[in-house]
């Protein structure tokens, strides 16, 4: 295969054939203006509306945390504990694993209390986040459309259940570009507490049909932070540089002929990879952090934990990364809910509170939109056996998410579910509305951020979505 075959040589194929890492893949000045034009300034210029946020940190509790044990107190559900679930709630509704089974109400397995001047009701599972109640906007009326994990993540991340569409981070990167020259504009990190978490596919942060330079780059907190950035053993910078100079020259010739965004994107990524060789080691070296900060996050080192990833998220935000997506897995509590909910909350509560506090103390929270939540919620009905082994099934008709900073009102609760926590009934917020609101806070009209593909203008919010203006400052 040559560089002038009908299918352009992609980066992964080249690196594999050449046995080279992404390392110092270009000279510092190679196509600098071209690369910065592609990676820096985005499509939306000037911005559609005055922005309230510069960046997003999305803390995804993968697996579907139970709103009924965290943010949505339901005294009526507690009174009906053990009684048959009223058929009027569930008739004709999608249920993941409880089809055809006897449905019984199961009271909340948490104690709720009022917190802060705002009096927000938050459960005992999240004491440190509860201590920041006056900073939080709790949306209790979220709705989504997919009831199983992978399609629900796909819907939350891309606005559609169809695999292969651009992720929200890619849309943001495409629309706004990056504020950082030496790191990707969209970074992903994954953590788990090690039970049996649902798998996550890399297509959840892919660029889809957008130019590939906008896809998320996964950072690892153990081993090499980014795959293929370090120089392979036995390959000198001089040898590598000579190969890349030749490849880049061929790419520029091909780009001049075709003006293919994938080719120009590849050149830009080579340039970015060179700069990342310098920036990534400095980013992940947390020895310059005060012990008080490490203790607040609960960081024990580069151990792949959610705590470490939250600290890296703040460091990435400081350096201008536009979209930071942290997946914290193992919230799929079909059984032993109380036991495993405690484990999940213990691992997420402190680091989340530390991140919000850290951002605020550094004057960054007002310009950073932080989103906390999963792909869906859990049912008011019990699943599995009686007693302590019970859990909750997947649920899409009403659940909770938390927003903070970035132009969102502080210390408010928005929307309601019914008395059993099944249906969102007041001020419903669809995933499309969440996406529209996020883009609005970044200065983008979601209806105007489009990409022409296969004869149609696509957007993150598909043909729906409304900005939730009531929660905005």
Protein backbone atom coordinates (compact mmCIF):
# COMPACT_ATOMS: atom_id res chain seq x y z
CA UNK A 1 0.00 0.00 0.00
CA UNK A 2 1.34 3.42 -0.94
CA UNK A 3 0.41 6.85 0.29
CA UNK A 4 -1.39 7.45 -3.00
CA UNK A 5 -3.66 4.40 -2.90
CA UNK A 6 -7.37 5.13 -2.96
CA UNK A 7 -7.59 4.56 0.79
CA UNK A 8 -5.40 6.99 2.70
CA UNK A 9 -2.96 5.38 5.09
CA UNK A 10 -4.35 5.94 8.55
CA UNK A 11 -2.22 6.71 11.59
CA UNK A 12 -2.63 3.35 13.35
CA UNK A 13 -1.68 1.39 10.19
CA UNK A 14 1.36 3.54 9.61
CA UNK A 15 2.55 3.24 13.19
CA UNK A 16 2.08 -0.52 13.17
CA UNK A 17 3.91 -1.01 9.87
CA UNK A 18 6.73 1.28 10.81
CA UNK A 19 6.97 -0.10 14.37
CA UNK A 20 7.02 3.46 15.63
CA UNK A 21 5.15 5.19 18.41
CA UNK A 22 3.41 8.49 17.97
CA UNK A 23 6.31 10.01 19.89
CA UNK A 24 8.21 12.86 18.35
CA UNK A 25 6.35 12.46 15.13
CA UNK A 26 7.04 15.86 13.67
CA UNK A 27 9.32 18.81 13.96
CA UNK A 28 8.09 21.47 16.35
CA UNK A 29 7.46 23.81 13.49
CA UNK A 30 6.06 21.33 10.99
CA UNK A 31 2.91 22.83 9.54
CA UNK A 32 2.47 24.80 12.78
CA UNK A 33 -0.04 27.27 11.43
CA UNK A 34 -1.98 24.53 9.65
CA UNK A 35 -2.08 22.35 12.74
CA UNK A 36 -3.08 25.13 15.08
CA UNK A 37 -5.77 26.24 12.68
CA UNK A 38 -7.24 22.72 12.70
CA UNK A 39 -6.86 22.04 16.41
CA UNK A 40 -7.19 25.52 17.86
CA UNK A 41 -10.00 27.65 16.49
CA UNK A 42 -13.24 25.74 16.05
CA UNK A 43 -16.04 26.04 13.55
CA UNK A 44 -18.16 28.39 15.70
CA UNK A 45 -16.34 31.69 15.39
CA UNK A 46 -17.59 34.04 16.65
CA UNK A 47 -19.67 32.24 19.26
CA UNK A 48 -23.44 32.21 18.80
CA UNK A 49 -24.19 33.47 22.33
CA UNK A 50 -22.13 34.85 25.19
CA UNK A 51 -20.52 31.83 26.87
CA UNK A 52 -20.77 31.13 30.58
CA UNK A 53 -18.38 28.15 30.52
CA UNK A 54 -15.07 27.49 28.80
CA UNK A 55 -14.95 23.75 29.34
CA UNK A 56 -16.87 20.68 30.51
CA UNK A 57 -15.92 17.97 33.00
CA UNK A 58 -18.42 15.13 32.65
CA UNK A 59 -18.28 12.66 35.55
CA UNK A 60 -20.12 9.60 34.26
CA UNK A 61 -21.13 7.08 36.91
CA UNK A 62 -21.33 4.22 34.43
CA UNK A 63 -23.93 1.58 35.18
CA UNK A 64 -26.83 3.74 36.31
CA UNK A 65 -26.73 5.03 39.91
CA UNK A 66 -30.03 4.84 41.78
CA UNK A 67 -31.63 8.26 42.10
CA UNK A 68 -33.84 6.81 44.84
CA UNK A 69 -30.83 6.28 47.10
CA UNK A 70 -29.03 9.53 46.22
CA UNK A 71 -31.05 12.62 45.28
CA UNK A 72 -34.75 11.80 44.99
CA UNK A 73 -36.36 11.19 48.37
CA UNK A 74 -39.65 9.26 48.18
CA UNK A 75 -41.51 8.86 51.52
CA UNK A 76 -44.52 7.32 49.74
CA UNK A 77 -42.33 4.60 48.25
CA UNK A 78 -41.06 3.86 51.75
CA UNK A 79 -44.63 3.48 53.01
CA UNK A 80 -45.45 1.04 50.18
CA UNK A 81 -42.35 -1.10 50.78
CA UNK A 82 -43.15 -4.73 49.95
CA UNK A 83 -46.54 -4.00 48.41
CA UNK A 84 -47.36 -4.69 44.74
CA UNK A 85 -46.29 -1.94 42.40
CA UNK A 86 -49.44 -0.16 41.13
CA UNK A 87 -50.02 -1.25 37.55
CA UNK A 88 -50.90 2.29 36.49
CA UNK A 89 -47.21 3.22 36.78
CA UNK A 90 -45.71 0.34 34.81
CA UNK A 91 -48.34 -0.63 32.23
CA UNK A 92 -46.84 -0.46 28.75
CA UNK A 93 -43.51 0.80 30.05
CA UNK A 94 -40.12 -0.66 29.02
CA UNK A 95 -38.45 -2.75 31.71
CA UNK A 96 -35.01 -4.30 31.32
CA UNK A 97 -34.92 -7.50 33.39
CA UNK A 98 -38.23 -7.53 35.25
CA UNK A 99 -40.54 -8.39 32.34
CA UNK A 100 -43.18 -10.87 33.33
CA UNK A 101 -42.19 -10.84 37.00
CA UNK A 102 -44.18 -9.82 40.02
CA UNK A 103 -43.35 -6.19 40.69
CA UNK A 104 -43.07 -5.09 44.30
CA UNK A 105 -42.27 -1.67 45.70
CA UNK A 106 -38.98 -1.34 47.51
CA UNK A 107 -38.45 1.59 49.82
CA UNK A 108 -35.33 3.79 49.60
CA UNK A 109 -32.30 2.25 51.30
CA UNK A 110 -30.88 5.58 52.45
CA UNK A 111 -31.58 8.36 54.90
CA UNK A 112 -32.09 11.85 53.51
CA UNK A 113 -31.42 15.19 55.19
CA UNK A 114 -31.51 18.88 54.30
CA UNK A 115 -28.14 20.47 53.57
CA UNK A 116 -26.81 23.99 53.24
CA UNK A 117 -28.75 27.23 53.16
CA UNK A 118 -30.61 25.84 50.15
CA UNK A 119 -31.95 22.91 52.16
CA UNK A 120 -31.33 20.45 49.35
CA UNK A 121 -32.35 16.90 50.26
CA UNK A 122 -29.39 14.57 49.69
CA UNK A 123 -28.84 11.07 51.02
CA UNK A 124 -26.37 9.84 53.60
CA UNK A 125 -24.53 7.92 50.87
CA UNK A 126 -22.94 11.20 49.65
CA UNK A 127 -21.95 13.20 52.75
CA UNK A 128 -19.19 15.22 51.12
CA UNK A 129 -21.21 16.18 48.06
CA UNK A 130 -24.04 17.03 50.46
CA UNK A 131 -21.65 19.44 52.15
CA UNK A 132 -21.55 21.35 48.85
CA UNK A 133 -25.33 21.43 48.43
CA UNK A 134 -25.31 25.19 47.89
CA UNK A 135 -23.08 24.73 44.83
CA UNK A 136 -25.22 22.03 43.20
CA UNK A 137 -28.05 22.11 40.69
CA UNK A 138 -29.86 18.79 41.09
CA UNK A 139 -32.05 17.82 38.13
CA UNK A 140 -34.56 15.24 39.35
CA UNK A 141 -36.55 14.86 36.13
CA UNK A 142 -34.07 13.42 33.62
CA UNK A 143 -35.34 11.11 30.89
CA UNK A 144 -33.59 9.02 28.27
CA UNK A 145 -34.63 6.53 25.58
CA UNK A 146 -32.48 3.41 25.88
CA UNK A 147 -32.87 0.92 28.71
CA UNK A 148 -29.74 -1.23 28.32
CA UNK A 149 -26.23 -0.08 29.11
CA UNK A 150 -24.42 0.13 25.80
CA UNK A 151 -27.20 1.83 23.81
CA UNK A 152 -27.97 4.06 26.81
CA UNK A 153 -24.33 5.19 26.97
CA UNK A 154 -24.41 5.70 23.21
CA UNK A 155 -27.54 7.84 23.54
CA UNK A 156 -26.12 9.87 26.43
CA UNK A 157 -22.80 10.38 24.64
CA UNK A 158 -23.98 10.95 21.05
CA UNK A 159 -27.66 11.90 21.20
CA UNK A 160 -28.70 8.76 19.31
CA UNK A 161 -28.71 5.01 19.86
CA UNK A 162 -27.15 4.48 16.44
CA UNK A 163 -23.52 3.46 16.86
CA UNK A 164 -20.87 5.40 15.02
CA UNK A 165 -22.17 8.95 15.49
CA UNK A 166 -19.94 11.69 16.97
CA UNK A 167 -19.70 11.89 20.74
CA UNK A 168 -20.60 15.08 22.58
CA UNK A 169 -16.93 15.75 23.36
CA UNK A 170 -16.11 15.48 19.66
CA UNK A 171 -18.93 17.90 18.82
CA UNK A 172 -17.63 20.38 21.39
CA UNK A 173 -14.07 20.01 20.11
CA UNK A 174 -15.27 20.42 16.53
CA UNK A 175 -17.34 23.48 17.33
CA UNK A 176 -14.99 25.31 19.68
CA UNK A 177 -11.53 23.87 19.11
CA UNK A 178 -8.99 23.57 21.88
CA UNK A 179 -7.49 26.21 24.16
CA UNK A 180 -4.41 24.03 24.55
CA UNK A 181 -1.62 23.62 21.99
CA UNK A 182 0.12 20.67 23.58
CA UNK A 183 -2.76 18.45 24.75
CA UNK A 184 -5.85 17.06 23.00
CA UNK A 185 -9.01 19.11 23.25
CA UNK A 186 -10.99 16.04 24.36
CA UNK A 187 -9.55 13.67 26.96
CA UNK A 188 -11.11 10.49 28.41
CA UNK A 189 -10.19 8.55 31.55
CA UNK A 190 -11.77 5.37 32.94
CA UNK A 191 -11.75 4.00 36.49
CA UNK A 192 -13.44 1.12 38.26
CA UNK A 193 -13.77 -0.22 41.76
CA UNK A 194 -13.34 -3.73 40.46
CA UNK A 195 -16.54 -5.70 40.96
CA UNK A 196 -17.85 -6.66 37.51
CA UNK A 197 -18.43 -3.42 35.64
CA UNK A 198 -20.17 -3.19 32.31
CA UNK A 199 -17.71 -2.83 29.40
CA UNK A 200 -17.19 0.52 27.72
CA UNK A 201 -16.36 0.75 24.03
CA UNK A 202 -14.00 3.38 22.69
CA UNK A 203 -16.69 4.38 20.19
CA UNK A 204 -18.37 6.15 23.12
CA UNK A 205 -15.81 8.93 22.68
CA UNK A 206 -15.26 8.60 18.94
CA UNK A 207 -15.56 11.39 16.39
CA UNK A 208 -17.92 9.44 14.13
CA UNK A 209 -18.23 11.20 10.79
CA UNK A 210 -16.51 14.35 12.12
CA UNK A 211 -12.81 14.73 11.25
CA UNK A 212 -10.88 12.22 13.34
CA UNK A 213 -8.77 14.86 15.08
CA UNK A 214 -11.82 15.66 17.24
CA UNK A 215 -12.18 12.23 18.83
CA UNK A 216 -11.39 11.69 22.49
CA UNK A 217 -7.91 10.57 23.48
CA UNK A 218 -7.89 8.11 26.34
CA UNK A 219 -5.37 8.76 29.10
CA UNK A 220 -4.24 5.94 31.36
CA UNK A 221 -3.22 6.49 34.96
CA UNK A 222 -1.02 3.40 35.10
CA UNK A 223 1.81 2.66 32.67
CA UNK A 224 2.21 5.02 29.71
CA UNK A 225 -0.39 7.79 30.11
CA UNK A 226 -1.06 7.77 26.35
CA UNK A 227 -0.40 4.83 24.08
CA UNK A 228 2.11 5.31 21.25
CA UNK A 229 3.46 8.65 22.51
CA UNK A 230 6.73 7.40 24.03
CA UNK A 231 9.62 6.56 21.73
CA UNK A 232 9.93 2.80 21.12
CA UNK A 233 13.12 1.16 22.34
CA UNK A 234 15.90 1.31 19.78
CA UNK A 235 14.37 4.09 17.71
CA UNK A 236 16.28 7.34 17.84
CA UNK A 237 14.63 10.71 17.46
CA UNK A 238 16.77 11.36 14.38
CA UNK A 239 15.60 8.18 12.62
CA UNK A 240 12.02 8.78 13.58
CA UNK A 241 12.18 12.38 12.48
CA UNK A 242 13.50 11.41 9.04
CA UNK A 243 10.63 8.97 8.49
CA UNK A 244 8.02 11.45 9.66
CA UNK A 245 9.41 14.25 7.52
CA UNK A 246 8.95 12.05 4.49
CA UNK A 247 5.48 10.90 5.48
CA UNK A 248 4.40 14.45 6.27
CA UNK A 249 5.68 15.68 2.91
CA UNK A 250 3.64 13.00 1.16
CA UNK A 251 0.62 13.86 3.25
CA UNK A 252 0.91 17.52 2.33
CA UNK A 253 1.14 16.65 -1.37
CA UNK A 254 -1.94 14.46 -1.09
CA UNK A 255 -3.77 17.12 0.90
CA UNK A 256 -3.00 19.75 -1.73
CA UNK A 257 -4.63 17.48 -4.33
CA UNK A 258 -7.68 16.33 -2.38
CA UNK A 259 -8.14 18.88 0.41
CA UNK A 260 -9.27 15.94 2.53
CA UNK A 261 -9.87 16.89 6.18
CA UNK A 262 -8.66 13.45 7.27
CA UNK A 263 -5.26 14.13 5.74
CA UNK A 264 -4.94 17.59 7.22
CA UNK A 265 -6.18 16.18 10.51
CA UNK A 266 -3.46 13.52 10.43
CA UNK A 267 -0.79 16.16 9.94
CA UNK A 268 -2.25 18.13 12.85
CA UNK A 269 -2.24 15.02 15.05
CA UNK A 270 1.41 14.32 14.24
CA UNK A 271 2.25 17.84 15.36
CA UNK A 272 0.14 17.46 18.50
CA UNK A 273 1.78 14.14 19.34
CA UNK A 274 5.20 15.79 19.22
CA UNK A 275 4.09 18.42 21.68
CA UNK A 276 2.44 15.81 23.91
CA UNK A 277 5.82 14.16 24.45
CA UNK A 278 6.75 17.20 26.48
CA UNK A 279 3.40 17.99 28.12
CA UNK A 280 2.00 14.60 29.17
CA UNK A 281 4.81 13.61 31.58
CA UNK A 282 4.55 17.01 33.27
CA UNK A 283 0.76 16.70 33.46
CA UNK A 284 0.79 13.30 35.15
CA UNK A 285 3.62 14.10 37.58
CA UNK A 286 1.65 15.15 40.65
CA UNK A 287 4.66 15.63 42.94
CA UNK A 288 4.13 19.39 42.72
CA UNK A 289 0.70 19.08 44.36
CA UNK A 290 0.53 20.03 48.05
CA UNK A 291 -0.15 17.15 50.41
CA UNK A 292 -3.35 18.88 51.49
CA UNK A 293 -4.67 18.63 47.93
CA UNK A 294 -3.68 14.97 47.59
CA UNK A 295 -5.39 14.22 50.89
CA UNK A 296 -8.56 16.06 49.88
CA UNK A 297 -8.89 13.98 46.71
CA UNK A 298 -7.77 10.81 48.48
CA UNK A 299 -5.01 10.26 45.93
CA UNK A 300 -2.59 7.43 46.66
CA UNK A 301 -0.63 7.81 43.43
CA UNK A 302 -1.06 6.96 39.76
CA UNK A 303 -3.28 3.99 40.57
CA UNK A 304 -6.09 4.30 38.03
CA UNK A 305 -8.57 5.39 40.68
CA UNK A 306 -11.40 7.86 40.27
CA UNK A 307 -9.64 10.06 42.83
CA UNK A 308 -6.48 10.26 40.72
CA UNK A 309 -8.50 10.87 37.56
CA UNK A 310 -10.39 13.72 39.25
CA UNK A 311 -7.10 15.37 40.15
CA UNK A 312 -5.87 14.93 36.58
CA UNK A 313 -9.16 16.43 35.38
CA UNK A 314 -8.41 19.62 37.30
CA UNK A 315 -4.86 19.68 35.92
CA UNK A 316 -6.19 19.15 32.39
CA UNK A 317 -8.72 21.94 32.88
CA UNK A 318 -5.96 24.28 34.06
CA UNK A 319 -4.07 23.58 30.86
CA UNK A 320 -6.99 24.44 28.59
CA UNK A 321 -8.44 21.04 27.66
CA UNK A 322 -11.97 21.69 26.44
CA UNK A 323 -13.84 18.47 27.27
CA UNK A 324 -12.80 16.03 30.00
CA UNK A 325 -14.85 12.86 30.32
CA UNK A 326 -14.33 10.59 33.34
CA UNK A 327 -16.07 7.22 33.37
CA UNK A 328 -16.34 5.62 36.81
CA UNK A 329 -17.69 2.12 36.38
CA UNK A 330 -19.65 -0.34 38.54
CA UNK A 331 -22.95 1.35 39.39
CA UNK A 332 -25.06 -1.51 37.99
CA UNK A 333 -26.67 -2.60 41.25
CA UNK A 334 -29.10 -5.38 40.39
CA UNK A 335 -28.42 -7.07 43.72
CA UNK A 336 -26.93 -6.23 47.14
CA UNK A 337 -27.70 -2.60 46.38
CA UNK A 338 -27.01 -1.18 49.82
CA UNK A 339 -23.62 -2.90 50.08
CA UNK A 340 -22.38 -2.04 46.62
CA UNK A 341 -23.92 1.43 46.62
CA UNK A 342 -21.85 2.21 49.70
CA UNK A 343 -18.69 1.03 47.94
CA UNK A 344 -19.45 3.04 44.80
CA UNK A 345 -20.37 6.18 46.72
CA UNK A 346 -17.33 5.96 48.99
CA UNK A 347 -15.11 5.90 45.90
CA UNK A 348 -16.85 8.81 44.14
CA UNK A 349 -18.15 11.14 46.85
CA UNK A 350 -14.87 12.51 48.22
CA UNK A 351 -13.07 12.99 44.89
CA UNK A 352 -16.12 14.70 43.34
CA UNK A 353 -16.40 17.11 46.28
CA UNK A 354 -12.65 17.72 46.20
CA UNK A 355 -12.74 18.52 42.48
CA UNK A 356 -15.57 21.03 42.91
CA UNK A 357 -13.86 22.63 45.90
CA UNK A 358 -10.50 22.73 44.15
CA UNK A 359 -11.98 24.37 41.06
CA UNK A 360 -13.78 26.94 43.18
CA UNK A 361 -10.70 27.82 45.24
CA UNK A 362 -8.74 28.36 42.02
CA UNK A 363 -11.45 30.57 40.53
CA UNK A 364 -12.21 28.00 37.83
CA UNK A 365 -15.62 26.62 38.82
CA UNK A 366 -17.55 29.53 37.35
CA UNK A 367 -16.02 28.81 33.95
CA UNK A 368 -16.18 25.00 34.17
CA UNK A 369 -19.44 23.08 33.74
CA UNK A 370 -19.29 19.92 35.86
CA UNK A 371 -21.90 17.22 35.17
CA UNK A 372 -22.35 14.16 37.45
CA UNK A 373 -24.63 11.21 36.66
CA UNK A 374 -25.13 7.96 34.80
CA UNK A 375 -26.76 6.72 31.63
CA UNK A 376 -30.10 6.11 33.42
CA UNK A 377 -31.54 5.51 36.90
CA UNK A 378 -33.05 2.53 38.75
CA UNK A 379 -36.57 1.19 39.28
CA UNK A 380 -38.69 1.75 42.39
CA UNK A 381 -39.35 -1.99 42.22
CA UNK A 382 -37.12 -4.56 43.85
CA UNK A 383 -35.10 -7.04 41.85
CA UNK A 384 -33.72 -10.47 42.88
CA UNK A 385 -34.40 -12.13 46.23
CA UNK A 386 -35.88 -10.74 49.40
CA UNK A 387 -33.78 -9.27 52.17
CA UNK A 388 -30.42 -7.60 51.86
CA UNK A 389 -29.56 -9.15 48.48
CA UNK A 390 -32.14 -7.08 46.61
CA UNK A 391 -31.28 -4.52 43.96
CA UNK A 392 -32.97 -2.36 41.32
CA UNK A 393 -33.39 -2.74 37.57
CA UNK A 394 -32.55 -0.20 34.84
CA UNK A 395 -34.91 2.77 34.55
CA UNK A 396 -35.26 5.53 31.93
CA UNK A 397 -38.50 7.43 32.71
CA UNK A 398 -37.15 9.49 35.58
CA UNK A 399 -33.73 9.85 37.21
CA UNK A 400 -31.36 12.46 38.62
CA UNK A 401 -28.22 14.24 37.45
CA UNK A 402 -26.18 16.98 39.11
CA UNK A 403 -24.68 20.08 37.51
CA UNK A 404 -22.35 22.65 39.03
CA UNK A 405 -20.43 25.75 37.96
CA UNK A 406 -20.26 27.06 34.40
CA UNK A 407 -23.29 29.37 34.44
CA UNK A 408 -25.68 27.05 36.29
CA UNK A 409 -27.70 28.28 39.28
CA UNK A 410 -26.39 27.17 42.65
CA UNK A 411 -28.29 25.39 45.39
CA UNK A 412 -31.41 24.53 43.42
CA UNK A 413 -33.42 21.42 42.68
CA UNK A 414 -35.17 21.29 39.31
CA UNK A 415 -37.95 19.01 38.16
CA UNK A 416 -39.78 16.22 39.93
CA UNK A 417 -40.67 12.58 39.56
CA UNK A 418 -43.96 11.11 40.78
CA UNK A 419 -44.45 9.92 44.36
CA UNK A 420 -42.76 6.59 43.61
CA UNK A 421 -39.87 8.00 41.57
CA UNK A 422 -40.99 6.28 38.38
CA UNK A 423 -42.04 8.98 35.90
CA UNK A 424 -40.64 12.48 35.54
CA UNK A 425 -43.79 14.61 35.89
CA UNK A 426 -42.67 18.22 36.24
CA UNK A 427 -40.07 20.19 34.24
CA UNK A 428 -38.92 17.11 32.34
CA UNK A 429 -35.35 17.23 31.05
CA UNK A 430 -34.52 14.93 28.15
CA UNK A 431 -30.95 14.01 27.26
CA UNK A 432 -31.32 16.23 24.17
CA UNK A 433 -32.19 19.12 26.51
CA UNK A 434 -29.08 18.42 28.58
CA UNK A 435 -26.94 18.54 25.44
CA UNK A 436 -28.61 21.72 24.21
CA UNK A 437 -28.05 23.39 27.59
CA UNK A 438 -24.42 22.29 27.74
CA UNK A 439 -23.70 23.73 24.29
CA UNK A 440 -25.55 26.95 25.14
CA UNK A 441 -23.39 27.46 28.22
CA UNK A 442 -20.34 27.06 25.98
CA UNK A 443 -21.66 29.76 23.64
CA UNK A 444 -23.07 27.46 20.96
CA UNK A 445 -26.60 27.28 19.54
CA UNK A 446 -27.21 23.53 19.30
CA UNK A 447 -29.37 23.99 16.19
CA UNK A 448 -26.55 25.73 14.35
CA UNK A 449 -23.70 23.35 15.14
CA UNK A 450 -24.17 20.93 12.24
CA UNK A 451 -22.16 18.69 9.93
CA UNK A 452 -23.24 17.65 6.44
CA UNK A 453 -23.02 13.88 6.05
CA UNK A 454 -24.69 11.60 3.50
CA UNK A 455 -26.96 14.38 2.32
CA UNK A 456 -28.19 15.45 5.74
CA UNK A 457 -27.18 18.11 8.26
CA UNK A 458 -26.54 16.27 11.53
CA UNK A 459 -26.27 17.75 15.00
CA UNK A 460 -25.72 16.46 18.55
CA UNK A 461 -29.36 17.05 19.51
CA UNK A 462 -30.71 15.39 16.33
CA UNK A 463 -34.06 17.15 15.65
CA UNK A 464 -34.93 17.89 19.29
CA UNK A 465 -33.59 19.60 22.39
CA UNK A 466 -34.41 22.76 24.31
CA UNK A 467 -32.14 24.86 26.51
CA UNK A 468 -33.25 24.51 30.13
CA UNK A 469 -33.22 28.24 30.81
CA UNK A 470 -34.66 27.98 34.33
CA UNK A 471 -31.42 26.52 35.67
CA UNK A 472 -29.15 29.15 34.12
CA UNK A 473 -27.68 32.13 35.94
